């Protein structure tokens, strides 16, 4: 297989990962909106899920996670501001894959920890909340769920045009490396997969670590298709 074939194969893989993940996030966000919308007016201070809404949302998340070829975890995050009678409340309905089974991460039960790790300041939540647009953020170390380098695809959930929370889908960099590395390691020069801010996701050179910010002068030949959040580049 020629080097150009390897590059094309990697680009196809990158596109496949991005397309599947963003479509799942969008679909799950729409389902979440439909679960919540018929039952109530949305409080501008935020919402807490009813037991019926939560059960329906859990089924939707589980179905999406089963369909995903690349995600290790996904869920719904929202914030409800406190009042004189009630404290702030962080909703994090999160499910993940472990040993070929789906398990629930019961992080929401620990509201004191949520106050310490307030996800409103995290880019995957903050950006969709501010501009009501989807985003892909990372790689970053996920201190809430897995403690590993992670990329998160996030999509805002809107009810009657009002932001109520975020659907987040996590991709572990270690899992993506297993997909990309068979082609990446056969490219006969330094090749790196980076995000749209030139931060390294993975590389065929062990000295170039995940999270490293590349200098533009080092990039020899970008191979990025239009509108792609990830790109494969060769280094000089």
Protein backbone atom coordinates (compact mmCIF):
# COMPACT_ATOMS: atom_id res chain seq x y z
CA UNK A 1 0.00 0.00 0.00
CA UNK A 2 1.42 3.39 -0.98
CA UNK A 3 1.82 6.25 1.45
CA UNK A 4 -0.98 8.16 -0.28
CA UNK A 5 -3.27 5.17 0.19
CA UNK A 6 -2.41 5.10 3.90
CA UNK A 7 -3.15 8.81 4.20
CA UNK A 8 -6.46 8.40 2.40
CA UNK A 9 -7.37 5.46 4.63
CA UNK A 10 -6.65 7.49 7.75
CA UNK A 11 -8.64 10.45 6.47
CA UNK A 12 -11.59 8.15 5.83
CA UNK A 13 -11.31 6.78 9.37
CA UNK A 14 -11.17 10.28 10.86
CA UNK A 15 -14.21 11.32 8.87
CA UNK A 16 -16.07 8.19 9.91
CA UNK A 17 -15.38 8.76 13.62
CA UNK A 18 -16.41 12.42 13.46
CA UNK A 19 -19.54 11.80 11.40
CA UNK A 20 -20.84 8.96 13.57
CA UNK A 21 -20.15 10.77 16.82
CA UNK A 22 -21.62 14.12 15.84
CA UNK A 23 -24.72 12.47 14.37
CA UNK A 24 -25.27 10.45 17.54
CA UNK A 25 -24.90 13.59 19.68
CA UNK A 26 -27.37 15.50 17.50
CA UNK A 27 -29.90 12.65 17.49
CA UNK A 28 -29.66 12.14 21.26
CA UNK A 29 -30.03 15.89 21.85
CA UNK A 30 -33.22 15.88 19.77
CA UNK A 31 -34.56 12.87 21.66
CA UNK A 32 -33.79 14.56 24.99
CA UNK A 33 -35.65 17.68 23.90
CA UNK A 34 -38.65 15.56 22.91
CA UNK A 35 -38.58 13.74 26.25
CA UNK A 36 -38.65 16.99 28.22
CA UNK A 37 -40.70 19.34 26.02
CA UNK A 38 -44.20 17.78 26.22
CA UNK A 39 -44.31 17.70 30.00
CA UNK A 40 -43.62 21.22 31.23
CA UNK A 41 -42.57 24.78 30.77
CA UNK A 42 -38.83 25.13 31.15
CA UNK A 43 -37.71 27.21 34.11
CA UNK A 44 -35.09 29.79 33.03
CA UNK A 45 -33.10 28.83 36.14
CA UNK A 46 -32.67 25.32 34.73
CA UNK A 47 -34.35 21.97 35.26
CA UNK A 48 -34.19 18.78 37.28
CA UNK A 49 -35.39 15.65 35.53
CA UNK A 50 -38.53 13.94 36.75
CA UNK A 51 -38.34 10.19 37.34
CA UNK A 52 -40.27 9.56 34.11
CA UNK A 53 -38.03 11.84 32.07
CA UNK A 54 -34.93 10.25 33.57
CA UNK A 55 -36.08 6.73 32.77
CA UNK A 56 -36.88 7.65 29.15
CA UNK A 57 -33.54 9.43 28.83
CA UNK A 58 -31.65 6.47 30.26
CA UNK A 59 -33.15 4.21 27.59
CA UNK A 60 -32.22 6.69 24.85
CA UNK A 61 -28.63 6.99 26.10
CA UNK A 62 -28.23 3.23 26.38
CA UNK A 63 -29.54 2.69 22.85
CA UNK A 64 -27.16 5.32 21.46
CA UNK A 65 -24.20 3.88 23.35
CA UNK A 66 -24.94 0.39 22.01
CA UNK A 67 -24.98 1.77 18.46
CA UNK A 68 -21.69 3.64 18.81
CA UNK A 69 -18.55 1.98 17.41
CA UNK A 70 -16.19 4.50 19.00
CA UNK A 71 -17.63 6.00 22.19
CA UNK A 72 -16.81 4.68 25.64
CA UNK A 73 -19.36 6.83 27.46
CA UNK A 74 -22.11 9.37 26.94
CA UNK A 75 -24.84 11.20 28.77
CA UNK A 76 -26.77 14.36 29.59
CA UNK A 77 -25.45 17.25 31.69
CA UNK A 78 -27.47 20.19 32.99
CA UNK A 79 -27.43 22.73 35.77
CA UNK A 80 -30.27 24.12 37.89
CA UNK A 81 -29.50 27.32 39.79
CA UNK A 82 -30.29 27.38 43.49
CA UNK A 83 -33.03 29.39 45.18
CA UNK A 84 -33.67 30.47 48.74
CA UNK A 85 -35.24 27.08 49.39
CA UNK A 86 -33.04 24.77 47.30
CA UNK A 87 -29.34 24.42 46.58
CA UNK A 88 -27.77 24.43 43.13
CA UNK A 89 -28.17 21.07 41.40
CA UNK A 90 -25.93 19.44 38.78
CA UNK A 91 -27.54 16.72 36.65
CA UNK A 92 -25.16 14.20 35.10
CA UNK A 93 -26.97 11.18 33.71
CA UNK A 94 -23.96 9.21 32.46
CA UNK A 95 -23.48 5.70 31.07
CA UNK A 96 -20.32 3.93 29.95
CA UNK A 97 -19.07 0.65 28.50
CA UNK A 98 -17.21 -1.81 30.67
CA UNK A 99 -16.48 -5.46 29.88
CA UNK A 100 -19.06 -5.46 27.06
CA UNK A 101 -21.76 -4.17 29.38
CA UNK A 102 -23.33 -0.76 29.97
CA UNK A 103 -22.95 0.71 33.43
CA UNK A 104 -24.23 3.88 35.05
CA UNK A 105 -21.77 6.33 36.60
CA UNK A 106 -23.70 7.61 39.62
CA UNK A 107 -21.77 10.86 39.80
CA UNK A 108 -24.93 12.89 40.28
CA UNK A 109 -25.34 11.43 43.76
CA UNK A 110 -22.30 13.40 44.92
CA UNK A 111 -23.47 16.99 44.66
CA UNK A 112 -20.62 18.29 46.85
CA UNK A 113 -18.13 16.82 44.37
CA UNK A 114 -20.07 18.38 41.50
CA UNK A 115 -19.70 21.78 43.10
CA UNK A 116 -15.95 21.22 43.20
CA UNK A 117 -15.87 19.96 39.60
CA UNK A 118 -18.41 22.39 38.16
CA UNK A 119 -18.75 21.35 34.52
CA UNK A 120 -20.26 24.73 33.57
CA UNK A 121 -16.69 25.99 33.22
CA UNK A 122 -15.64 23.11 30.95
CA UNK A 123 -15.49 23.93 27.24
CA UNK A 124 -17.68 20.98 26.19
CA UNK A 125 -20.51 22.47 28.30
CA UNK A 126 -19.71 26.18 28.22
CA UNK A 127 -19.43 26.54 24.43
CA UNK A 128 -22.80 24.92 23.55
CA UNK A 129 -24.45 26.82 26.40
CA UNK A 130 -23.14 30.15 25.11
CA UNK A 131 -23.61 29.79 21.35
CA UNK A 132 -26.18 26.96 21.15
CA UNK A 133 -23.95 25.16 18.64
CA UNK A 134 -22.31 21.71 18.81
CA UNK A 135 -18.60 21.42 19.48
CA UNK A 136 -15.82 18.85 19.64
CA UNK A 137 -13.36 19.48 22.46
CA UNK A 138 -10.11 17.78 23.34
CA UNK A 139 -7.87 16.02 23.87
CA UNK A 140 -8.02 16.82 27.58
CA UNK A 141 -7.73 14.79 30.78
CA UNK A 142 -11.25 13.99 32.00
CA UNK A 143 -11.05 14.29 35.78
CA UNK A 144 -14.80 13.67 36.26
CA UNK A 145 -15.36 10.30 34.60
CA UNK A 146 -12.28 8.36 33.52
CA UNK A 147 -9.03 10.19 34.37
CA UNK A 148 -7.75 9.62 30.82
CA UNK A 149 -7.13 11.68 27.70
CA UNK A 150 -10.56 12.21 26.16
CA UNK A 151 -12.24 13.95 23.23
CA UNK A 152 -15.83 15.06 23.81
CA UNK A 153 -18.45 15.69 21.16
CA UNK A 154 -21.12 17.92 22.68
CA UNK A 155 -24.49 19.08 21.38
CA UNK A 156 -26.82 21.59 23.06
CA UNK A 157 -30.29 20.45 24.11
CA UNK A 158 -32.92 23.10 23.38
CA UNK A 159 -36.58 23.24 24.37
CA UNK A 160 -38.58 25.96 22.64
CA UNK A 161 -35.29 27.64 21.77
CA UNK A 162 -34.08 27.66 25.37
CA UNK A 163 -30.87 25.90 26.39
CA UNK A 164 -31.46 23.23 29.06
CA UNK A 165 -28.26 21.17 28.92
CA UNK A 166 -25.75 19.25 26.83
CA UNK A 167 -25.48 15.79 25.36
CA UNK A 168 -21.83 14.75 25.65
CA UNK A 169 -20.18 11.78 23.95
CA UNK A 170 -16.70 10.76 25.05
CA UNK A 171 -14.01 9.19 22.89
CA UNK A 172 -10.94 7.85 24.70
CA UNK A 173 -7.71 8.73 22.91
CA UNK A 174 -6.33 5.31 23.84
CA UNK A 175 -9.22 3.65 21.98
CA UNK A 176 -8.78 5.91 18.94
CA UNK A 177 -5.07 5.04 18.83
CA UNK A 178 -5.96 1.37 18.36
CA UNK A 179 -8.05 2.35 15.33
CA UNK A 180 -5.62 4.82 13.76
CA UNK A 181 -2.25 3.29 14.59
CA UNK A 182 -2.19 0.37 12.08
CA UNK A 183 -2.18 2.89 9.24
CA UNK A 184 -0.36 5.66 11.08
CA UNK A 185 2.69 3.56 11.97
CA UNK A 186 3.23 2.57 8.32
CA UNK A 187 3.60 6.15 7.11
CA UNK A 188 7.31 6.62 6.46
CA UNK A 189 7.73 10.01 8.12
CA UNK A 190 6.55 11.75 11.24
CA UNK A 191 2.76 11.87 11.03
CA UNK A 192 0.47 13.41 13.61
CA UNK A 193 -3.29 13.64 14.09
CA UNK A 194 -4.18 17.00 15.59
CA UNK A 195 -7.32 18.92 16.51
CA UNK A 196 -8.37 22.25 15.02
CA UNK A 197 -6.08 24.09 17.47
CA UNK A 198 -3.00 22.06 16.43
CA UNK A 199 -3.02 20.03 19.65
CA UNK A 200 -1.79 16.44 19.26
CA UNK A 201 -4.30 13.59 19.52
CA UNK A 202 -1.86 10.84 18.56
CA UNK A 203 1.26 10.27 16.46
CA UNK A 204 3.50 7.60 14.97
CA UNK A 205 6.42 9.14 16.89
CA UNK A 206 6.61 8.20 20.58
CA UNK A 207 8.36 11.48 21.42
CA UNK A 208 5.30 13.51 20.33
CA UNK A 209 2.83 13.15 23.15
CA UNK A 210 -0.92 13.55 23.30
CA UNK A 211 -1.83 17.11 24.25
CA UNK A 212 1.32 18.68 22.79
CA UNK A 213 0.69 21.95 20.96
CA UNK A 214 2.41 21.87 17.56
CA UNK A 215 4.19 24.88 16.16
CA UNK A 216 2.92 25.77 12.70
CA UNK A 217 6.46 25.94 11.33
CA UNK A 218 6.90 22.22 11.98
CA UNK A 219 3.89 21.23 9.85
CA UNK A 220 5.09 20.22 6.42
CA UNK A 221 1.96 19.09 4.59
CA UNK A 222 -1.53 19.44 5.99
CA UNK A 223 -4.04 16.95 4.59
CA UNK A 224 -7.19 18.35 6.19
CA UNK A 225 -10.50 18.09 4.35
CA UNK A 226 -12.83 21.07 4.64
CA UNK A 227 -14.79 21.44 7.90
CA UNK A 228 -12.91 18.67 9.74
CA UNK A 229 -12.16 19.08 13.47
CA UNK A 230 -9.30 16.55 13.19
CA UNK A 231 -6.53 16.48 10.65
CA UNK A 232 -3.55 14.38 9.68
CA UNK A 233 -0.33 16.33 9.17
CA UNK A 234 3.26 15.44 8.27
CA UNK A 235 6.13 17.04 10.16
CA UNK A 236 9.27 18.38 8.60
